Amino acid sequence: MRPTIESKLYEPGWAGQLTYGEAVKIQDKIYGDIRVRRMWKFKGKGKPALVRIAERAFPENPQFARKNMVSEIRRNANERKKCM
């Protein structure tokens, strides 16, 4: 069975630069699936920070991934404010 884009998203290092929605999907999967949590090398039982997920999704340039995710989080917050 060939892996789908959706399943590949959950592999650390595959996705590269994440959108806010992709990071939240990964966060939920890590929180709910111990195997995925181990793959991403997260310890503990809580939800990992989106910034940490972004760093592991784009290991070639974690500093850029961190800055990008902060921008994505701010952009998403601004969009939610506009809807209210």
N, C-alpha and C. Protein backbone atom coordinates (compact mmCIF):
# COMPACT_ATOMS: atom_id res chain seq x y z
N MET A 1 0.83 -1.18 0.00
CA MET A 1 0.00 0.00 0.00
C MET A 1 0.88 1.25 0.00
N ARG A 2 0.63 2.14 -0.94
CA ARG A 2 1.43 3.36 -1.07
C ARG A 2 1.01 4.37 0.00
N PRO A 3 2.00 5.06 0.59
CA PRO A 3 1.65 6.09 1.56
C PRO A 3 0.97 7.27 0.87
N THR A 4 -0.01 7.82 1.52
CA THR A 4 -0.70 8.98 0.97
C THR A 4 -0.01 10.25 1.44
N ILE A 5 -0.35 11.37 0.80
CA ILE A 5 0.19 12.66 1.23
C ILE A 5 -0.18 12.90 2.69
N GLU A 6 -1.40 12.55 3.05
CA GLU A 6 -1.86 12.75 4.43
C GLU A 6 -0.98 11.97 5.40
N SER A 7 -0.67 10.71 5.10
CA SER A 7 0.14 9.92 6.02
C SER A 7 1.60 10.39 6.00
N LYS A 8 2.09 10.85 4.87
CA LYS A 8 3.46 11.35 4.79
C LYS A 8 3.63 12.62 5.63
N LEU A 9 2.56 13.41 5.78
CA LEU A 9 2.61 14.63 6.56
C LEU A 9 3.08 14.35 7.99
N TYR A 10 2.77 13.17 8.50
CA TYR A 10 3.10 12.84 9.88
C TYR A 10 4.52 12.32 10.06
N GLU A 11 5.30 12.28 8.99
CA GLU A 11 6.70 11.86 9.08
C GLU A 11 7.57 13.09 9.33
N PRO A 12 8.38 13.08 10.40
CA PRO A 12 9.25 14.22 10.67
C PRO A 12 10.19 14.48 9.50
N GLY A 13 10.32 15.73 9.12
CA GLY A 13 11.23 16.10 8.05
C GLY A 13 10.64 16.04 6.66
N TRP A 14 9.48 15.44 6.48
CA TRP A 14 8.92 15.31 5.14
C TRP A 14 8.21 16.57 4.69
N ALA A 15 7.45 17.19 5.56
CA ALA A 15 6.57 18.29 5.16
C ALA A 15 7.32 19.59 4.87
N GLY A 16 8.46 19.79 5.48
CA GLY A 16 9.18 21.05 5.29
C GLY A 16 8.47 22.20 5.98
N GLN A 17 8.27 23.27 5.27
CA GLN A 17 7.63 24.46 5.83
C GLN A 17 6.13 24.20 5.99
N LEU A 18 5.63 24.30 7.22
CA LEU A 18 4.25 23.96 7.51
C LEU A 18 3.33 25.17 7.51
N THR A 19 2.09 24.93 7.17
CA THR A 19 1.05 25.94 7.38
C THR A 19 0.51 25.73 8.80
N TYR A 20 -0.27 26.67 9.27
CA TYR A 20 -0.87 26.55 10.60
C TYR A 20 -1.75 25.30 10.68
N GLY A 21 -2.57 25.09 9.68
CA GLY A 21 -3.48 23.94 9.67
C GLY A 21 -2.74 22.61 9.69
N GLU A 22 -1.66 22.51 8.93
CA GLU A 22 -0.87 21.27 8.92
C GLU A 22 -0.25 21.03 10.29
N ALA A 23 0.27 22.08 10.91
CA ALA A 23 0.90 21.95 12.23
C ALA A 23 -0.12 21.49 13.27
N VAL A 24 -1.33 22.01 13.20
CA VAL A 24 -2.37 21.61 14.15
C VAL A 24 -2.75 20.15 13.92
N LYS A 25 -2.84 19.71 12.67
CA LYS A 25 -3.14 18.30 12.37
C LYS A 25 -2.06 17.40 12.97
N ILE A 26 -0.80 17.78 12.77
CA ILE A 26 0.31 16.99 13.31
C ILE A 26 0.26 16.99 14.83
N GLN A 27 -0.02 18.14 15.43
CA GLN A 27 -0.10 18.26 16.88
C GLN A 27 -1.17 17.30 17.44
N ASP A 28 -2.32 17.28 16.80
CA ASP A 28 -3.40 16.39 17.25
C ASP A 28 -3.01 14.92 17.09
N LYS A 29 -2.34 14.60 16.00
CA LYS A 29 -1.91 13.21 15.76
C LYS A 29 -0.86 12.80 16.78
N ILE A 30 0.09 13.68 17.09
CA ILE A 30 1.12 13.40 18.08
C ILE A 30 0.47 13.19 19.45
N TYR A 31 -0.51 14.00 19.77
CA TYR A 31 -1.20 13.90 21.06
C TYR A 31 -1.97 12.59 21.18
N GLY A 32 -2.53 12.13 20.09
CA GLY A 32 -3.39 10.95 20.14
C GLY A 32 -2.74 9.62 19.78
N ASP A 33 -1.51 9.63 19.27
CA ASP A 33 -0.89 8.39 18.79
C ASP A 33 0.54 8.29 19.32
N ILE A 34 0.77 7.35 20.23
CA ILE A 34 2.07 7.20 20.87
C ILE A 34 3.17 6.88 19.85
N ARG A 35 2.83 6.15 18.78
CA ARG A 35 3.85 5.82 17.76
C ARG A 35 4.32 7.08 17.04
N VAL A 36 3.38 7.94 16.71
CA VAL A 36 3.75 9.19 16.03
C VAL A 36 4.54 10.08 17.00
N ARG A 37 4.16 10.10 18.26
CA ARG A 37 4.88 10.89 19.28
C ARG A 37 6.33 10.44 19.36
N ARG A 38 6.54 9.14 19.34
CA ARG A 38 7.92 8.60 19.39
C ARG A 38 8.69 8.94 18.12
N MET A 39 8.02 8.86 16.96
CA MET A 39 8.68 9.20 15.69
C MET A 39 9.19 10.63 15.72
N TRP A 40 8.38 11.53 16.29
CA TRP A 40 8.73 12.95 16.34
C TRP A 40 9.64 13.26 17.53
N LYS A 41 9.90 12.25 18.37
CA LYS A 41 10.78 12.36 19.54
C LYS A 41 10.29 13.39 20.55
N PHE A 42 8.99 13.32 20.83
CA PHE A 42 8.41 14.15 21.89
C PHE A 42 8.16 13.27 23.09
N LYS A 43 8.47 13.81 24.27
CA LYS A 43 8.23 13.09 25.52
C LYS A 43 7.09 13.77 26.24
N GLY A 44 6.52 13.09 27.20
CA GLY A 44 5.41 13.65 27.96
C GLY A 44 4.09 13.32 27.30
N LYS A 45 3.01 13.77 27.94
CA LYS A 45 1.69 13.42 27.44
C LYS A 45 0.91 14.59 26.88
N GLY A 46 1.37 15.80 27.08
CA GLY A 46 0.64 16.97 26.58
C GLY A 46 0.85 17.19 25.10
N LYS A 47 0.18 18.21 24.58
CA LYS A 47 0.37 18.58 23.18
C LYS A 47 1.65 19.39 23.04
N PRO A 48 2.52 19.01 22.09
CA PRO A 48 3.74 19.78 21.88
C PRO A 48 3.42 21.13 21.22
N ALA A 49 4.28 22.10 21.45
CA ALA A 49 4.11 23.42 20.87
C ALA A 49 4.23 23.36 19.35
N LEU A 50 3.44 24.18 18.68
CA LEU A 50 3.47 24.21 17.21
C LEU A 50 4.85 24.60 16.68
N VAL A 51 5.52 25.46 17.41
CA VAL A 51 6.87 25.89 16.99
C VAL A 51 7.84 24.71 17.02
N ARG A 52 7.74 23.87 18.04
CA ARG A 52 8.62 22.69 18.13
C ARG A 52 8.31 21.70 17.00
N ILE A 53 7.05 21.57 16.68
CA ILE A 53 6.67 20.70 15.57
C ILE A 53 7.26 21.23 14.27
N ALA A 54 7.16 22.53 14.06
CA ALA A 54 7.70 23.14 12.84
C ALA A 54 9.20 22.93 12.73
N GLU A 55 9.91 23.04 13.84
CA GLU A 55 11.36 22.82 13.83
C GLU A 55 11.71 21.40 13.40
N ARG A 56 10.94 20.44 13.85
CA ARG A 56 11.21 19.05 13.51
C ARG A 56 10.71 18.68 12.12
N ALA A 57 9.75 19.43 11.63
CA ALA A 57 9.24 19.18 10.28
C ALA A 57 10.21 19.70 9.23
N PHE A 58 11.01 20.69 9.58
CA PHE A 58 11.95 21.31 8.64
C PHE A 58 13.34 21.37 9.28
N PRO A 59 13.96 20.19 9.52
CA PRO A 59 15.23 20.15 10.26
C PRO A 59 16.40 20.81 9.52
N GLU A 60 16.27 21.02 8.23
CA GLU A 60 17.34 21.65 7.47
C GLU A 60 17.55 23.10 7.92
N ASN A 61 16.48 23.75 8.35
CA ASN A 61 16.57 25.15 8.78
C ASN A 61 15.54 25.41 9.89
N PRO A 62 15.81 24.91 11.10
CA PRO A 62 14.84 25.04 12.18
C PRO A 62 14.57 26.49 12.59
N GLN A 63 15.55 27.36 12.45
CA GLN A 63 15.34 28.77 12.80
C GLN A 63 14.32 29.41 11.86
N PHE A 64 14.43 29.13 10.58
CA PHE A 64 13.46 29.63 9.61
C PHE A 64 12.08 29.04 9.88
N ALA A 65 12.04 27.74 10.18
CA ALA A 65 10.76 27.07 10.47
C ALA A 65 10.09 27.70 11.68
N ARG A 66 10.87 28.02 12.70
CA ARG A 66 10.34 28.66 13.91
C ARG A 66 9.73 30.01 13.59
N LYS A 67 10.47 30.84 12.84
CA LYS A 67 9.98 32.17 12.46
C LYS A 67 8.73 32.07 11.60
N ASN A 68 8.71 31.13 10.68
CA ASN A 68 7.56 30.94 9.82
C ASN A 68 6.33 30.54 10.64
N MET A 69 6.50 29.64 11.60
CA MET A 69 5.35 29.19 12.39
C MET A 69 4.82 30.31 13.27
N VAL A 70 5.69 31.13 13.82
CA VAL A 70 5.23 32.28 14.61
C VAL A 70 4.39 33.20 13.72
N SER A 71 4.84 33.42 12.50
CA SER A 71 4.07 34.24 11.55
C SER A 71 2.73 33.59 11.23
N GLU A 72 2.72 32.27 11.03
CA GLU A 72 1.48 31.55 10.74
C GLU A 72 0.50 31.65 11.91
N ILE A 73 1.00 31.54 13.12
CA ILE A 73 0.15 31.63 14.31
C ILE A 73 -0.46 33.03 14.41
N ARG A 74 0.36 34.04 14.19
CA ARG A 74 -0.15 35.43 14.23
C ARG A 74 -1.18 35.67 13.13
N ARG A 75 -0.89 35.18 11.94
CA ARG A 75 -1.81 35.35 10.81
C ARG A 75 -3.15 34.68 11.12
N ASN A 76 -3.11 33.48 11.67
CA ASN A 76 -4.33 32.76 12.01
C ASN A 76 -5.11 33.51 13.09
N ALA A 77 -4.42 34.06 14.08
CA ALA A 77 -5.08 34.81 15.15
C ALA A 77 -5.76 36.05 14.57
N ASN A 78 -5.09 36.73 13.65
CA ASN A 78 -5.68 37.93 13.03
C ASN A 78 -6.91 37.57 12.20
N GLU A 79 -6.87 36.45 11.51
CA GLU A 79 -8.03 36.02 10.71
C GLU A 79 -9.23 35.70 11.60
N ARG A 80 -8.94 35.08 12.75
CA ARG A 80 -10.03 34.77 13.68
C ARG A 80 -10.66 36.04 14.25
N LYS A 81 -9.83 37.06 14.50
CA LYS A 81 -10.35 38.34 15.02
C LYS A 81 -11.26 39.01 13.98
N LYS A 82 -10.89 38.89 12.72
CA LYS A 82 -11.70 39.51 11.65
C LYS A 82 -13.07 38.85 11.54
N CYS A 83 -13.13 37.56 11.83
CA CYS A 83 -14.40 36.83 11.73
C CYS A 83 -15.36 37.16 12.86
N MET A 84 -14.85 37.69 13.96
CA MET A 84 -15.72 37.96 15.11
C MET A 84 -16.44 39.27 14.99
